[in-house]
């Protein structure tokens, strides 16, 4: 039991150290262009890819990630680009 607790503490310390260096935040173990933490936050697993559109709002997960919108909510959409007058 003590060994399990010690292992858990060490694992937690490793996550804290890596997170403090933004290694965990940007980790993309499935190489789909989406950080694992973002995928886990919204989908609970890594089964969706960058080109998927689970909320059927015509925006890919990558577009939603880059815009900071919710890929599971069809009403949460990236804003269209604004036209510039040149």
Foldseek 3Di string as FASTA:
>chain_A
DVVVVVVVVVVVVVVVVCVVVVNQVQDDPPPQQDRQVLCCVQPVGDPAHQQDQCCPLPHGNVQCVVQVFRSNHNVTHRDDDDDDDD
